[in-house]
Protein backbone atom coordinates (compact mmCIF):
# COMPACT_ATOMS: atom_id res chain seq x y z
CA MET A 1 -60.66 22.26 -67.19
CA ILE A 2 -62.55 22.40 -63.97
CA TYR A 3 -60.38 25.38 -62.76
CA LEU A 4 -61.00 27.07 -66.11
CA ALA A 5 -64.72 26.46 -65.83
CA ILE A 6 -64.81 27.80 -62.35
CA LEU A 7 -62.61 30.82 -63.36
CA THR A 8 -65.06 31.61 -66.28
CA PHE A 9 -68.15 31.08 -64.06
CA VAL A 10 -66.72 33.68 -61.52
CA PHE A 11 -65.84 36.11 -64.25
CA VAL A 12 -69.31 35.87 -65.65
CA ILE A 13 -70.80 36.49 -62.12
CA PHE A 14 -68.43 39.44 -61.65
CA ALA A 15 -69.18 41.00 -64.95
CA PHE A 16 -72.90 40.61 -64.36
CA CYS A 17 -72.67 42.29 -61.00
CA PHE A 18 -70.45 45.00 -62.33
CA LEU A 19 -72.87 45.82 -65.23
CA TYR A 20 -75.71 45.65 -62.72
CA PHE A 21 -74.23 47.92 -60.16
CA TRP A 22 -73.20 50.39 -63.00
CA GLY A 23 -76.94 50.40 -64.25
CA ILE A 24 -78.27 51.38 -60.85
CA ASN A 25 -75.45 53.94 -60.10
CA PRO A 26 -75.10 55.93 -63.44
CA GLY A 27 -73.42 58.96 -61.64
CA ASP A 28 -69.88 60.03 -61.47
CA MET A 29 -67.70 60.22 -58.31
CA THR A 30 -64.72 62.58 -57.70
CA VAL A 31 -61.96 61.37 -55.49
CA PHE A 32 -59.68 64.18 -54.27
CA TYR A 33 -55.94 63.47 -53.65
CA ALA A 34 -54.86 67.05 -53.12
CA ALA A 35 -56.46 70.51 -52.52
CA GLY A 36 -58.52 71.23 -55.53
CA GLU A 37 -57.19 68.21 -57.48
CA GLY A 38 -59.06 65.19 -57.84
CA LEU A 39 -60.18 62.29 -60.22
CA THR A 40 -63.57 61.84 -61.51
CA PHE A 41 -64.77 58.37 -62.57
CA PRO A 42 -68.03 56.41 -62.50
CA THR A 43 -68.89 55.10 -59.19
CA PRO A 44 -68.52 51.39 -60.23
CA ILE A 45 -65.03 51.97 -61.75
CA ILE A 46 -63.82 53.69 -58.50
CA LEU A 47 -65.16 50.74 -56.39
CA ILE A 48 -63.51 48.14 -58.52
CA GLY A 49 -60.35 50.31 -58.53
CA ALA A 50 -60.31 50.40 -54.72
CA ILE A 51 -60.94 46.59 -54.61
CA LEU A 52 -58.12 45.93 -57.13
CA ILE A 53 -55.60 48.22 -55.25
CA GLY A 54 -56.46 46.48 -52.08
CA LEU A 55 -55.83 43.16 -53.61
CA LEU A 56 -52.64 44.38 -55.17
CA LEU A 57 -51.30 45.56 -51.84
CA GLY A 58 -52.56 42.56 -49.97
CA ASN A 59 -50.74 40.27 -52.54
CA GLY A 60 -47.69 42.45 -52.51
CA LEU A 61 -47.39 42.16 -48.72
CA HIS A 62 -48.02 38.45 -49.02
CA ILE A 63 -45.16 38.04 -51.51
CA LEU A 64 -42.91 40.16 -49.44
CA SER A 65 -43.66 37.95 -46.34
CA LEU A 66 -43.02 34.83 -48.39
CA ILE A 67 -39.70 36.22 -49.58
CA ALA A 68 -38.72 37.07 -45.94
CA HIS A 69 -39.84 33.69 -44.62
CA SER A 70 -37.82 31.94 -47.54
CA PHE A 71 -34.67 34.07 -46.65
CA SER A 72 -35.09 33.32 -42.82
CA HIS A 73 -35.54 29.63 -43.70
CA TRP A 74 -32.39 29.75 -45.80
CA ARG A 75 -30.38 31.54 -42.94
CA ARG A 76 -31.64 28.89 -40.53
CA ASP A 77 -30.74 26.03 -42.81
CA GLN A 78 -27.30 27.47 -43.22
CA SER A 79 -26.96 28.01 -39.53
CA GLN A 80 -28.03 24.50 -38.72
CA LYS A 81 -25.74 23.13 -41.36
CA LYS A 82 -22.86 25.15 -39.93
CA ALA A 83 -23.80 23.89 -36.41
CA GLN A 84 -23.97 20.32 -37.57
CA GLU A 85 -20.42 20.64 -39.28
CA THR A 86 -19.16 22.37 -36.11
CA ASN A 87 -20.54 19.53 -33.94
CA ALA A 88 -19.00 16.94 -36.16
CA ILE A 89 -15.57 18.65 -35.80
CA TYR A 90 -16.08 18.96 -32.02
CA ARG A 91 -17.03 15.26 -31.70
CA GLN A 92 -13.95 14.34 -33.80
CA GLY A 93 -11.82 16.46 -31.44
CA VAL A 94 -13.23 14.97 -28.16
CA GLY A 95 -12.80 11.48 -29.67
CA ARG A 96 -9.02 12.31 -30.30
CA LEU A 97 -8.79 13.73 -26.81
CA LEU A 98 -10.35 10.52 -25.24
CA SER A 99 -7.89 8.57 -27.49
CA GLY A 100 -4.99 10.33 -26.13
CA ASP A 101 -3.99 12.15 -29.30
CA LEU A 102 -3.67 15.61 -27.76
CA LYS A 103 -1.97 17.12 -30.85
CA LYS A 104 -4.69 16.18 -33.37
CA ALA A 105 -7.38 17.01 -30.67
CA ARG A 106 -6.01 20.58 -30.37
CA VAL A 107 -6.23 21.07 -34.09
CA LEU A 108 -9.77 19.95 -34.28
CA LEU A 109 -10.97 21.76 -31.27
CA ASN A 110 -9.23 24.94 -32.34
CA LYS A 111 -11.08 24.60 -35.70
CA ALA A 112 -14.40 24.06 -33.86
CA ILE A 113 -13.81 27.21 -31.86
CA ASP A 114 -12.96 29.44 -34.78
CA ARG A 115 -16.28 28.25 -36.36
CA ASP A 116 -18.20 29.04 -33.20
CA PRO A 117 -16.27 30.84 -30.47
CA LYS A 118 -19.37 30.94 -28.18
CA ARG A 119 -19.91 27.15 -28.08
CA VAL A 120 -19.44 26.24 -24.32
CA ASP A 121 -18.91 22.53 -24.83
CA THR A 122 -15.92 23.22 -27.16
CA LEU A 123 -14.37 25.47 -24.62
CA ILE A 124 -14.79 22.99 -21.88
CA ALA A 125 -13.20 20.28 -23.96
CA MET A 126 -10.36 22.63 -24.89
CA ALA A 127 -9.97 23.26 -21.14
CA ASN A 128 -9.66 19.46 -20.49
CA LEU A 129 -7.12 19.27 -23.21
CA ALA A 130 -4.89 22.13 -21.72
CA ALA A 131 -5.33 20.39 -18.31
CA GLN A 132 -4.00 17.01 -19.67
CA GLU A 133 -1.02 18.95 -21.21
CA GLY A 134 -0.24 20.48 -17.83
CA ASN A 135 -1.23 23.90 -18.84
CA SER A 136 -3.47 24.93 -15.93
CA THR A 137 -3.43 28.63 -16.75
CA GLU A 138 -4.71 28.13 -20.20
CA SER A 139 -7.37 25.66 -18.94
CA LEU A 140 -8.67 27.98 -16.20
CA GLY A 141 -8.71 30.82 -18.79
CA LEU A 142 -10.87 28.73 -21.10
CA LEU A 143 -13.24 27.80 -18.36
CA ARG A 144 -13.63 31.48 -17.19
CA LYS A 145 -14.59 32.36 -20.92
CA ALA A 146 -17.09 29.38 -20.82
CA GLY A 147 -18.44 30.64 -17.51
CA ASP A 148 -18.91 34.12 -18.97
CA LEU A 149 -20.87 32.71 -21.88
CA ASP A 150 -23.00 30.36 -19.59
CA PRO A 151 -23.00 31.81 -16.06
CA LYS A 152 -25.52 29.07 -14.95
CA SER A 153 -23.31 26.10 -16.02
CA LEU A 154 -22.45 23.90 -13.15
CA GLU A 155 -20.16 21.88 -15.40
CA VAL A 156 -17.91 24.72 -15.91
CA LEU A 157 -17.67 25.31 -12.09
CA PHE A 158 -17.06 21.69 -11.30
CA LYS A 159 -14.30 21.56 -14.00
CA THR A 160 -12.80 24.81 -12.64
CA ALA A 161 -12.75 23.52 -9.03
CA ALA A 162 -11.24 20.13 -10.14
CA ILE A 163 -8.29 21.76 -11.97
CA GLN A 164 -7.79 24.20 -9.17
CA GLU A 165 -7.66 21.25 -6.78
CA GLU A 166 -5.22 19.23 -9.05
CA THR A 167 -2.81 22.19 -9.22
CA GLY A 168 -2.77 22.73 -5.49
CA HIS A 169 -4.87 25.93 -5.42
CA ASP A 170 -7.08 24.46 -2.74
CA ASP A 171 -8.37 27.90 -1.36
CA GLU A 172 -9.52 28.80 -5.01
CA ALA A 173 -11.10 25.32 -5.32
CA MET A 174 -13.04 25.79 -2.05
CA ALA A 175 -14.25 29.03 -3.27
CA SER A 176 -15.63 27.40 -6.57
CA TYR A 177 -17.31 24.61 -4.63
CA GLN A 178 -18.94 27.08 -2.32
CA GLU A 179 -20.22 29.00 -5.33
CA LEU A 180 -21.56 25.71 -6.60
CA ILE A 181 -23.41 25.13 -3.36
CA SER A 182 -24.82 28.76 -3.31
CA ARG A 183 -26.32 27.93 -6.68
CA GLU A 184 -27.53 24.49 -5.67
CA LYS A 185 -27.43 24.09 -1.87
CA ASP A 186 -28.13 20.29 -1.97
CA ASN A 187 -25.51 19.41 -4.71
CA ARG A 188 -23.91 16.37 -2.97
CA LYS A 189 -20.88 16.12 -5.20
CA ALA A 190 -19.91 19.72 -4.41
CA LEU A 191 -20.61 19.26 -0.72
CA ARG A 192 -18.45 16.06 -0.46
CA SER A 193 -15.61 17.65 -2.50
CA LEU A 194 -15.68 20.72 -0.22
CA ARG A 195 -15.81 18.58 2.83
CA ASP A 196 -12.80 16.51 1.56
CA LEU A 197 -10.63 19.72 1.14
CA TYR A 198 -11.71 20.81 4.63
CA ILE A 199 -10.43 17.47 5.94
CA LYS A 200 -7.24 17.75 3.98
CA HIS A 201 -6.48 21.02 5.79
CA ASP A 202 -7.57 19.84 9.09
CA ARG A 203 -10.39 22.30 9.25
CA TRP A 204 -12.49 19.96 11.25
CA GLN A 205 -15.37 22.38 12.43
CA GLU A 206 -16.06 23.41 8.83
CA ALA A 207 -15.68 19.74 7.57
CA LEU A 208 -18.19 18.68 10.23
CA GLU A 209 -20.75 21.36 9.31
CA THR A 210 -20.37 20.35 5.71
CA GLN A 211 -20.85 16.69 6.39
CA ARG A 212 -24.03 17.45 8.19
CA ARG A 213 -25.27 19.17 4.93
CA VAL A 214 -24.20 16.04 3.00
CA LEU A 215 -26.42 13.92 5.15
CA LYS A 216 -29.29 16.33 5.06
CA ALA A 217 -29.00 16.47 1.21
CA GLY A 218 -29.84 12.64 1.27
CA PRO A 219 -26.77 10.45 0.11
CA GLY A 220 -27.61 7.23 -1.84
CA ALA A 221 -28.72 4.27 0.21
CA ASN A 222 -25.37 2.55 -0.31
CA ARG A 223 -23.51 5.51 1.13
CA VAL A 224 -25.63 6.35 4.13
CA ALA A 225 -23.77 4.06 6.51
CA ASP A 226 -20.40 5.41 5.52
CA GLU A 227 -21.48 9.07 5.60
CA LYS A 228 -22.85 8.60 9.15
CA ALA A 229 -19.58 6.88 10.14
CA LEU A 230 -17.55 9.84 8.79
CA LEU A 231 -19.89 12.17 10.63
CA LEU A 232 -18.95 10.42 13.84
CA TYR A 233 -15.21 10.65 13.14
CA LEU A 234 -15.36 14.36 12.26
CA ARG A 235 -17.23 14.98 15.58
CA TYR A 236 -14.35 13.22 17.20
CA GLU A 237 -11.82 15.35 15.49
CA VAL A 238 -13.66 18.52 16.61
CA ALA A 239 -13.76 17.25 20.26
CA SER A 240 -10.02 16.55 20.13
CA GLN A 241 -9.35 20.13 19.03
CA SER A 242 -11.46 21.29 21.92
CA ILE A 243 -9.18 19.39 24.21
CA LEU A 244 -6.07 21.21 22.84
CA SER A 245 -7.92 24.66 22.87
CA GLY A 246 -8.76 24.20 26.72
CA SER A 247 -12.45 23.24 26.26
CA ALA A 248 -11.99 19.77 27.80
CA ASP A 249 -15.47 19.74 29.51
CA GLN A 250 -17.30 20.36 26.21
CA ALA A 251 -15.08 17.60 24.54
CA LYS A 252 -15.65 15.12 27.41
CA SER A 253 -19.50 15.29 26.81
CA GLU A 254 -19.03 14.96 22.99
CA LEU A 255 -16.52 12.00 23.29
CA LYS A 256 -18.88 10.30 25.83
CA ASP A 257 -21.80 10.51 23.14
CA ILE A 258 -19.47 9.28 20.38
CA LEU A 259 -18.66 6.25 22.55
CA ARG A 260 -22.22 5.68 23.28
CA GLN A 261 -22.91 5.36 19.43
CA GLU A 262 -19.71 3.37 18.76
CA SER A 263 -18.30 1.78 21.80
CA ASP A 264 -15.31 0.24 19.90
CA PHE A 265 -14.04 3.57 18.39
CA VAL A 266 -10.53 3.46 19.86
CA PRO A 267 -9.51 7.13 19.15
CA ALA A 268 -12.58 8.39 21.06
CA GLN A 269 -11.77 6.28 24.15
CA VAL A 270 -8.22 7.33 24.14
CA SER A 271 -9.17 11.02 23.81
CA TYR A 272 -11.91 10.63 26.51
CA GLY A 273 -9.04 9.68 28.79
CA ASP A 274 -7.05 12.69 27.76
CA ALA A 275 -10.04 14.88 28.48
CA LEU A 276 -10.37 13.51 31.87
CA VAL A 277 -6.73 14.09 32.54
CA ALA A 278 -7.16 17.77 31.43
CA LEU A 279 -9.97 18.15 33.85
CA ASN A 280 -7.68 16.80 36.65
CA LEU A 281 -9.68 13.58 36.71
CA GLY A 282 -6.61 11.26 36.36
CA ASP A 283 -7.99 8.29 38.29
CA ASP A 284 -11.10 8.13 36.01
CA ALA A 285 -8.76 8.48 32.89
CA VAL A 286 -6.75 5.52 34.14
CA LYS A 287 -9.92 3.40 34.57
CA ILE A 288 -10.99 4.33 30.98
CA TRP A 289 -7.68 3.43 29.48
CA GLN A 290 -7.60 0.06 31.46
CA GLU A 291 -11.00 -0.68 30.42
CA GLY A 292 -10.23 0.20 26.94
CA TYR A 293 -7.40 -2.22 26.77
CA LYS A 294 -9.29 -5.09 28.34
CA LYS A 295 -12.12 -4.67 25.90
CA LEU A 296 -10.25 -3.71 22.68
CA GLY A 297 -6.77 -5.02 23.28
CA LYS A 298 -5.03 -1.93 21.62
CA GLY A 299 -1.50 -1.04 22.68
CA VAL A 300 -2.16 2.65 22.66
CA PHE A 301 -4.02 2.33 25.93
CA LEU A 302 -1.04 0.80 27.64
CA GLU A 303 1.21 3.56 26.07
CA ARG A 304 -1.24 6.20 27.58
CA LEU A 305 -1.11 4.49 30.95
CA GLU A 306 2.69 4.35 30.94
CA ASP A 307 3.07 8.00 30.02
CA TYR A 308 0.60 9.05 32.59
CA PHE A 309 2.15 7.27 35.56
CA MET A 310 5.86 7.98 34.42
CA GLU A 311 5.14 11.75 34.19
CA ARG A 312 3.81 11.59 37.70
CA GLU A 313 6.75 9.55 38.89
CA ASP A 314 4.41 6.68 40.08
CA PRO A 315 5.67 3.66 38.26
CA SER A 316 4.69 1.30 41.16
CA SER A 317 1.00 1.77 40.37
CA LEU A 318 1.48 0.96 36.79
CA LEU A 319 3.65 -2.09 37.78
CA ASN A 320 0.86 -3.47 40.01
CA PHE A 321 -1.55 -3.24 37.10
CA PHE A 322 0.77 -4.96 34.76
CA ARG A 323 1.63 -7.70 37.28
CA GLY A 324 -1.98 -8.39 38.16
CA GLN A 325 -3.04 -8.42 34.30
CA VAL A 326 -0.22 -11.03 33.60
CA LEU A 327 -1.61 -13.34 36.17
CA GLU A 328 -5.10 -13.01 34.66
CA GLN A 329 -4.07 -13.11 30.98
CA GLY A 330 -0.56 -14.44 30.72
CA ASP A 331 -1.20 -15.48 26.96
CA ASP A 332 -1.54 -11.86 25.95
CA LEU A 333 1.67 -11.15 24.19
CA ILE A 334 0.97 -7.60 23.35
CA PHE A 335 0.53 -6.77 27.18
CA ARG A 336 3.81 -8.79 27.76
CA LEU A 337 5.51 -6.47 25.17
CA PHE A 338 4.54 -3.37 26.86
CA TYR A 339 5.36 -4.92 30.25
CA GLY A 340 8.76 -5.85 29.17
CA LYS A 341 9.28 -2.37 27.68
CA LEU A 342 8.24 -0.66 30.99
CA CYS A 343 10.58 -2.92 32.97
CA LEU A 344 13.44 -2.15 30.62
CA ARG A 345 12.72 1.50 31.06
CA LEU A 346 12.92 1.05 34.86
CA GLU A 347 16.05 -0.87 34.56
CA MET A 348 14.33 -4.11 35.88
CA VAL A 349 16.29 -5.97 33.20
CA ASP A 350 15.60 -9.53 34.70
CA GLU A 351 11.92 -9.05 34.64
CA ALA A 352 12.02 -7.38 31.19
CA LYS A 353 13.97 -10.35 29.89
CA GLU A 354 11.44 -12.77 31.21
CA GLN A 355 8.67 -11.01 29.57
CA LEU A 356 10.49 -10.49 26.19
CA GLN A 357 11.76 -13.96 25.91
CA ALA A 358 8.18 -15.28 26.50
CA ILE A 359 7.25 -13.50 23.39
CA GLU A 360 10.27 -14.72 21.37
CA SER A 361 9.71 -18.31 22.50
CA SER A 362 6.25 -18.17 20.84
CA GLY A 363 7.80 -17.81 17.51
CA VAL A 364 7.11 -14.03 16.99
CA GLU A 365 9.50 -12.47 14.45
CA SER A 366 9.16 -8.77 15.04
CA PRO A 367 12.04 -6.19 14.73
CA GLN A 368 10.56 -4.43 17.82
CA VAL A 369 10.77 -7.55 19.95
CA HIS A 370 14.26 -8.25 18.77
CA LEU A 371 15.34 -4.67 19.38
CA LEU A 372 13.97 -4.70 22.97
CA LEU A 373 15.66 -8.04 23.63
CA ALA A 374 18.97 -6.74 22.33
CA GLU A 375 18.88 -3.79 24.51
CA THR A 376 18.02 -6.15 27.46
CA TYR A 377 20.84 -8.37 26.80
CA ARG A 378 23.24 -5.46 26.50
CA ARG A 379 22.17 -4.22 29.82
CA CYS A 380 22.66 -7.75 31.17
CA ARG A 381 26.13 -7.74 29.73
CA GLU A 382 25.51 -10.62 27.29
CA PRO A 383 27.13 -9.11 24.10
CA GLU A 384 26.84 -12.04 21.89
CA GLN A 385 23.03 -12.52 22.57
CA ALA A 386 22.70 -8.69 22.15
CA ILE A 387 24.44 -8.63 18.83
CA SER A 388 22.37 -11.61 17.61
CA GLU A 389 19.18 -9.81 18.47
CA TYR A 390 20.42 -6.49 17.05
CA GLN A 391 21.08 -8.48 13.66
CA LYS A 392 17.55 -9.90 13.73
CA ALA A 393 16.10 -6.48 14.35
CA LEU A 394 17.97 -4.95 11.50
CA GLY A 395 17.54 -7.86 9.13
CA ILE A 396 21.13 -8.58 8.86
CA SER A 397 22.24 -12.00 7.57
CA LYS A 398 25.59 -13.40 6.40
CA ARG A 399 24.79 -11.93 2.96
CA LEU A 400 24.55 -8.44 4.16
CA HIS A 401 22.12 -7.49 1.49
CA LEU A 402 21.11 -4.03 0.71
CA ASN A 403 17.45 -2.99 0.20
CA PHE A 404 15.91 -1.36 -2.74
CA VAL A 405 13.22 1.26 -2.92
CA CYS A 406 10.66 2.27 -5.58
CA GLU A 407 11.48 5.85 -6.59
CA LYS A 408 7.81 6.48 -7.26
CA CYS A 409 5.89 5.16 -4.30
CA GLN A 410 8.81 4.59 -1.96
CA SER A 411 8.00 0.98 -1.33
CA VAL A 412 11.10 -0.91 0.10
CA SER A 413 12.10 -4.38 -1.17
CA ALA A 414 14.75 -6.68 -0.23
CA GLU A 415 15.50 -7.48 -3.94
CA TRP A 416 15.74 -5.47 -7.07
CA ASN A 417 12.60 -5.63 -9.18
CA SER A 418 12.13 -4.60 -12.93
CA ARG A 419 8.55 -3.55 -12.01
CA CYS A 420 7.48 -2.28 -8.61
CA PRO A 421 5.18 -4.86 -7.03
CA SER A 422 3.33 -2.18 -5.14
CA CYS A 423 2.57 0.46 -7.74
CA GLY A 424 3.44 -1.33 -11.02
CA GLU A 425 6.04 1.25 -12.11
CA TRP A 426 8.85 -0.02 -14.54
CA ASN A 427 12.45 1.05 -14.20
CA ALA A 428 11.90 2.65 -10.83
CA SER A 429 13.92 0.28 -8.40
CA SER A 430 17.07 1.71 -7.01
CA LEU A 431 19.24 1.43 -3.88
CA VAL A 432 17.94 2.78 -0.68
CA ASP A 433 19.33 6.33 -0.29
CA ARG A 434 21.15 6.00 -3.59
CA LYS A 435 20.93 9.79 -4.33
CA LEU A 436 22.00 10.60 -0.87
CA ILE A 437 25.16 8.51 -1.11
CA GLN A 438 25.69 9.40 -4.85
CA ASP A 439 25.58 13.18 -4.18
CA ALA A 440 28.04 13.06 -1.27
CA ARG A 441 31.75 13.52 -1.69
CA PRO A 442 34.53 11.69 0.18
CA LEU A 443 37.02 13.57 2.11
CA ALA A 444 40.42 14.04 0.57
CA LEU A 445 42.75 11.19 1.45
CA ASP A 446 45.08 13.27 3.61
CA LYS A 447 42.12 14.37 5.71
CA MET A 448 40.57 10.98 6.35
CA VAL A 449 40.73 9.51 9.82
CA ILE A 450 43.03 6.48 9.98
CA HIS A 451 41.80 3.80 12.44
CA HIS A 452 44.05 1.57 14.35
CA GLY A 453 45.68 -1.07 12.14
CA GLU A 454 44.96 0.92 8.88
CA ARG A 455 47.49 2.72 6.68
CA LYS A 456 47.32 4.90 3.86
CA GLU A 457 48.03 3.77 0.28
CA TRP A 458 49.78 6.61 -1.48
CA ALA A 459 49.62 6.74 -5.09
CA GLY A 460 53.17 6.29 -6.68
CA ALA A 461 54.77 5.65 -3.33
């Protein structure tokens, strides 16, 4: 009722104004719509007509805009509905993929791709599926397509690099990681992955430069110590390469600085001596190796000393060092082992026997000790003792057992195992060298060597 009353009131006001306007404007007005052609009406009629036409056009445009908006809204709803349905199919496919049901996952993901071929997430999931199926070509093709659709996607590049690395295409993987880094220079994961590939291929200088960038990018607090240690080790590898390439002087300075930072880093101390030898500073190298053994007790220093003096045909200087050290540290069995080996090498069998027996008498059961003792007894013409030590070195007992090996991880075991204790693989334990023996073929009987006391057993004789 209120709206009707308002409408009636407005109509009355409008009619009053119209009649008033007509009363004060009694004349006619001609509106020309062509040359010599026009329409003549009272002025109020033309005015009201113009207003009505304007209202009609305005309302018409408004209605058209409402129709267009409704259609756009309908299309958006349809698109959202389709996207939701596609997303549901995609999630089901990913769920099947994570569950290991690759066949069902492929069906669902293919369906999602058919509904929306430009969805990057689906292409990435399909690439993961293809990779799990061992189809790296298909996987990389899907990732390339995803990369074309979303050139800025770091995930696509990471997936591409990972698959390239898994399939042994390390050069291509390096290129992918380098592209990642060019887009995001402080991407720590990409930097570490690229560094690891450089290390894998002994590209030490590039690995070192990349590791410096890793540290500059700011690794997590729990990784800083490890990353700094790796930087030191990579510096060592670069210095070692410098020695081999003839830049021993540069390597010497670098190794000295490394030892200043980590004095118990054995490889640096060993290579520091190598650099000194390359610079014809052999006496200094000998001191470095001797101090290295006294401080760190690593046998490699004694190995270096032995090689150095034997190459220069000066075993007496080395013997003097060994004899003096034995007097100072007679309980150092590692030292006695190298001393005994040196004496054996120099045919000083009695002195070698003394050192090696001292080790054995301490209860040490080492194949290396038994092997050296066996050789010592052989040279002393004590065959029974030599045979006994050889048997201990080879692990030979009265049982004469044969060892088994895991075909997957190559771990050797004295007993057959249904499941490998090292890698956990079932049904992988087999006789050591089984395939080698199995694939060989024995000589024909008439071509076999007959040893003394043996005779041929001829079939049908």
